[in-house]
C-alpha atoms as a PDB file:
ATOM      1  CA  MET A   1      15.342  48.958  70.713  1.00  0.00           C
ATOM      2  CA  PRO A   2      18.834  50.329  70.786  1.00  0.00           C
ATOM      3  CA  PRO A   3      19.052  53.392  73.573  1.00  0.00           C
ATOM      4  CA  ASP A   4      19.756  56.164  70.932  1.00  0.00           C
ATOM      5  CA  ILE A   5      16.114  56.129  69.306  1.00  0.00           C
ATOM      6  CA  THR A   6      13.292  57.637  71.115  1.00  0.00           C
ATOM      7  CA  ASP A   7      10.213  55.650  71.405  1.00  0.00           C
ATOM      8  CA  PRO A   8       6.913  56.962  70.052  1.00  0.00           C
ATOM      9  CA  TRP A   9       5.290  57.639  73.162  1.00  0.00           C
ATOM     10  CA  THR A  10       7.689  59.849  74.688  1.00  0.00           C
ATOM     11  CA  LEU A  11       7.537  61.854  71.535  1.00  0.00           C
ATOM     12  CA  TRP A  12       3.904  62.232  72.111  1.00  0.00           C
ATOM     13  CA  VAL A  13       4.121  63.111  75.794  1.00  0.00           C
ATOM     14  CA  ILE A  14       6.737  65.707  74.802  1.00  0.00           C
ATOM     15  CA  LEU A  15       4.605  67.398  71.893  1.00  0.00           C
ATOM     16  CA  GLY A  16       1.457  67.065  74.525  1.00  0.00           C
ATOM     17  CA  LEU A  17       3.079  69.001  76.940  1.00  0.00           C
ATOM     18  CA  ALA A  18       4.480  71.772  74.583  1.00  0.00           C
ATOM     19  CA  ALA A  19       0.805  72.017  73.127  1.00  0.00           C
ATOM     20  CA  VAL A  20      -0.624  72.582  76.823  1.00  0.00           C
ATOM     21  CA  THR A  21       2.163  75.107  77.352  1.00  0.00           C
ATOM     22  CA  VAL A  22       2.042  77.228  74.536  1.00  0.00           C
ATOM     23  CA  LEU A  23      -2.174  77.198  74.784  1.00  0.00           C
ATOM     24  CA  SER A  24      -1.994  77.998  78.653  1.00  0.00           C
ATOM     25  CA  ARG A  25       0.622  81.056  78.130  1.00  0.00           C
ATOM     26  CA  SER A  26      -0.987  82.340  75.227  1.00  0.00           C
ATOM     27  CA  PHE A  27      -4.349  82.121  76.629  1.00  0.00           C
ATOM     28  CA  PHE A  28      -4.483  85.737  77.346  1.00  0.00           C
ATOM     29  CA  PHE A  29      -3.465  86.772  74.080  1.00  0.00           C
ATOM     30  CA  ILE A  30      -6.212  84.595  72.252  1.00  0.00           C
ATOM     31  CA  SER A  31      -8.954  86.071  74.550  1.00  0.00           C
ATOM     32  CA  SER A  32     -10.742  89.193  73.067  1.00  0.00           C
ATOM     33  CA  ARG A  33     -11.779  90.459  76.521  1.00  0.00           C
ATOM     34  CA  PRO A  34      -9.481  92.211  78.832  1.00  0.00           C
ATOM     35  CA  TRP A  35      -8.049  90.432  81.634  1.00  0.00           C
ATOM     36  CA  GLN A  36      -7.201  91.892  85.243  1.00  0.00           C
ATOM     37  CA  LEU A  37      -5.678  89.788  88.148  1.00  0.00           C
ATOM     38  CA  PRO A  38      -7.803  90.223  91.309  1.00  0.00           C
ATOM     39  CA  GLY A  39      -6.166  92.581  94.021  1.00  0.00           C
ATOM     40  CA  TRP A  40      -5.122  89.897  96.173  1.00  0.00           C
ATOM     41  CA  ALA A  41      -2.736  88.283  93.252  1.00  0.00           C
ATOM     42  CA  GLN A  42      -1.381  91.581  92.428  1.00  0.00           C
ATOM     43  CA  ARG A  43      -0.401  92.026  95.865  1.00  0.00           C
ATOM     44  CA  GLY A  44       1.351  88.694  96.146  1.00  0.00           C
ATOM     45  CA  LEU A  45       3.527  89.626  92.751  1.00  0.00           C
ATOM     46  CA  ASN A  46       5.065  92.118  94.911  1.00  0.00           C
ATOM     47  CA  HIS A  47       6.793  89.498  97.229  1.00  0.00           C
ATOM     48  CA  ALA A  48       7.550  86.928  94.383  1.00  0.00           C
ATOM     49  CA  PRO A  49      11.128  88.039  93.445  1.00  0.00           C
ATOM     50  CA  ILE A  50      12.323  87.690  97.045  1.00  0.00           C
ATOM     51  CA  ALA A  51      10.316  84.687  97.735  1.00  0.00           C
ATOM     52  CA  ALA A  52      12.193  83.138  94.508  1.00  0.00           C
ATOM     53  CA  LEU A  53      15.333  84.130  95.525  1.00  0.00           C
ATOM     54  CA  ALA A  54      15.001  82.748  98.998  1.00  0.00           C
ATOM     55  CA  ALA A  55      13.812  79.521  97.767  1.00  0.00           C
ATOM     56  CA  VAL A  56      16.937  79.041  95.642  1.00  0.00           C
ATOM     57  CA  ILE A  57      19.364  80.410  97.732  1.00  0.00           C
ATOM     58  CA  ALA A  58      18.377  79.184 101.339  1.00  0.00           C
ATOM     59  CA  PRO A  59      19.071  75.471 100.530  1.00  0.00           C
ATOM     60  CA  GLU A  60      22.284  76.317  99.271  1.00  0.00           C
ATOM     61  CA  VAL A  61      23.289  78.328 102.341  1.00  0.00           C
ATOM     62  CA  VAL A  62      22.383  75.854 105.007  1.00  0.00           C
ATOM     63  CA  MET A  63      23.290  72.577 103.489  1.00  0.00           C
ATOM     64  CA  GLN A  64      26.743  71.339 102.332  1.00  0.00           C
ATOM     65  CA  SER A  65      26.684  67.995 100.885  1.00  0.00           C
ATOM     66  CA  GLY A  66      23.621  66.906 102.839  1.00  0.00           C
ATOM     67  CA  GLN A  67      24.482  68.356 106.262  1.00  0.00           C
ATOM     68  CA  CYS A  68      24.343  71.767 107.850  1.00  0.00           C
ATOM     69  CA  PRO A  69      28.003  73.156 107.984  1.00  0.00           C
ATOM     70  CA  MET A  70      28.973  73.440 111.383  1.00  0.00           C
ATOM     71  CA  THR A  71      32.054  75.757 111.061  1.00  0.00           C
ATOM     72  CA  TRP A  72      31.513  79.605 111.475  1.00  0.00           C
ATOM     73  CA  GLN A  73      34.423  79.913 108.426  1.00  0.00           C
ATOM     74  CA  ASP A  74      31.488  79.325 105.959  1.00  0.00           C
ATOM     75  CA  ALA A  75      31.560  82.118 103.579  1.00  0.00           C
ATOM     76  CA  ARG A  76      27.910  81.516 102.733  1.00  0.00           C
ATOM     77  CA  TRP A  77      26.953  82.710 106.244  1.00  0.00           C
ATOM     78  CA  PHE A  78      28.610  85.643 106.210  1.00  0.00           C
ATOM     79  CA  GLY A  79      27.268  86.421 102.604  1.00  0.00           C
ATOM     80  CA  ALA A  80      23.581  85.769 103.286  1.00  0.00           C
ATOM     81  CA  GLY A  81      23.898  87.650 106.556  1.00  0.00           C
ATOM     82  CA  ALA A  82      25.015  90.837 104.845  1.00  0.00           C
ATOM     83  CA  GLY A  83      22.553  90.186 102.109  1.00  0.00           C
ATOM     84  CA  VAL A  84      19.436  90.235 104.514  1.00  0.00           C
ATOM     85  CA  ALA A  85      20.701  93.065 106.716  1.00  0.00           C
ATOM     86  CA  PHE A  86      20.452  95.133 103.488  1.00  0.00           C
ATOM     87  CA  TYR A  87      17.573  93.901 102.288  1.00  0.00           C
ATOM     88  CA  PHE A  88      15.757  94.844 105.452  1.00  0.00           C
ATOM     89  CA  LEU A  89      17.554  98.298 105.682  1.00  0.00           C
ATOM     90  CA  ARG A  90      16.778  99.385 102.073  1.00  0.00           C
ATOM     91  CA  GLN A  91      13.067  97.669 101.896  1.00  0.00           C
ATOM     92  CA  GLY A  92      10.753  99.832 100.462  1.00  0.00           C
ATOM     93  CA  ARG A  93      13.359 102.341  98.962  1.00  0.00           C
ATOM     94  CA  GLY A  94      13.912 100.388  95.641  1.00  0.00           C
ATOM     95  CA  GLN A  95      16.452  98.104  94.082  1.00  0.00           C
ATOM     96  CA  ALA A  96      16.230  95.983  97.405  1.00  0.00           C
ATOM     97  CA  VAL A  97      16.357  92.679  95.660  1.00  0.00           C
ATOM     98  CA  LEU A  98      19.069  93.619  93.291  1.00  0.00           C
ATOM     99  CA  GLY A  99      20.974  95.353  96.292  1.00  0.00           C
ATOM    100  CA  THR A 100      20.660  92.070  98.146  1.00  0.00           C
ATOM    101  CA  ILE A 101      22.291  90.116  95.545  1.00  0.00           C
ATOM    102  CA  VAL A 102      25.490  92.614  94.880  1.00  0.00           C
ATOM    103  CA  VAL A 103      26.029  93.135  98.626  1.00  0.00           C
ATOM    104  CA  GLY A 104      25.573  89.406  99.681  1.00  0.00           C
ATOM    105  CA  MET A 105      27.890  88.544  96.781  1.00  0.00           C
ATOM    106  CA  ALA A 106      30.377  91.261  97.601  1.00  0.00           C
ATOM    107  CA  VAL A 107      30.636  89.811 100.812  1.00  0.00           C
ATOM    108  CA  TYR A 108      30.975  86.216 100.088  1.00  0.00           C
ATOM    109  CA  LEU A 109      33.574  86.487  97.088  1.00  0.00           C
ATOM    110  CA  PRO A 110      36.236  87.964  99.155  1.00  0.00           C
ATOM    111  CA  LEU A 111      35.744  85.709 101.770  1.00  0.00           C
ATOM    112  CA  HIS A 112      35.459  82.409  99.639  1.00  0.00           C
ATOM    113  CA  ILE A 113      38.159  83.285  96.864  1.00  0.00           C
ATOM    114  CA  GLY A 114      40.634  85.025  99.019  1.00  0.00           C
ATOM    115  CA  LEU A 115      40.627  82.934 102.433  1.00  0.00           C
ATOM    116  CA  GLY A 116      39.176  79.821 100.663  1.00  0.00           C
ATOM    117  CA  TRP A 117      36.209  79.616 103.188  1.00  0.00           C
END
């Protein structure tokens, strides 16, 4: 079979995964009863944005080509430090996550672009 033709099994798997995704995401719309998350789940959702941000950013900050950067002239360390400091200083006053990103990038970009770190 030429490489540019997708076999039927792959198409069935893609269609099946799409159907499961649509069904699971529309489950709350299909149901006639109102749904409410338990209290513990609602409290957990308050931490979801910063947890997702940390999961994406942390590996990028601490790893470079599979190794931990050993030089202090790494703009990522300073940007992450400024972002973390801002987050803990502004926590509970609103806009903490957005401010963390803005402050971290405001420190990172001049060091990375301007000084070439």
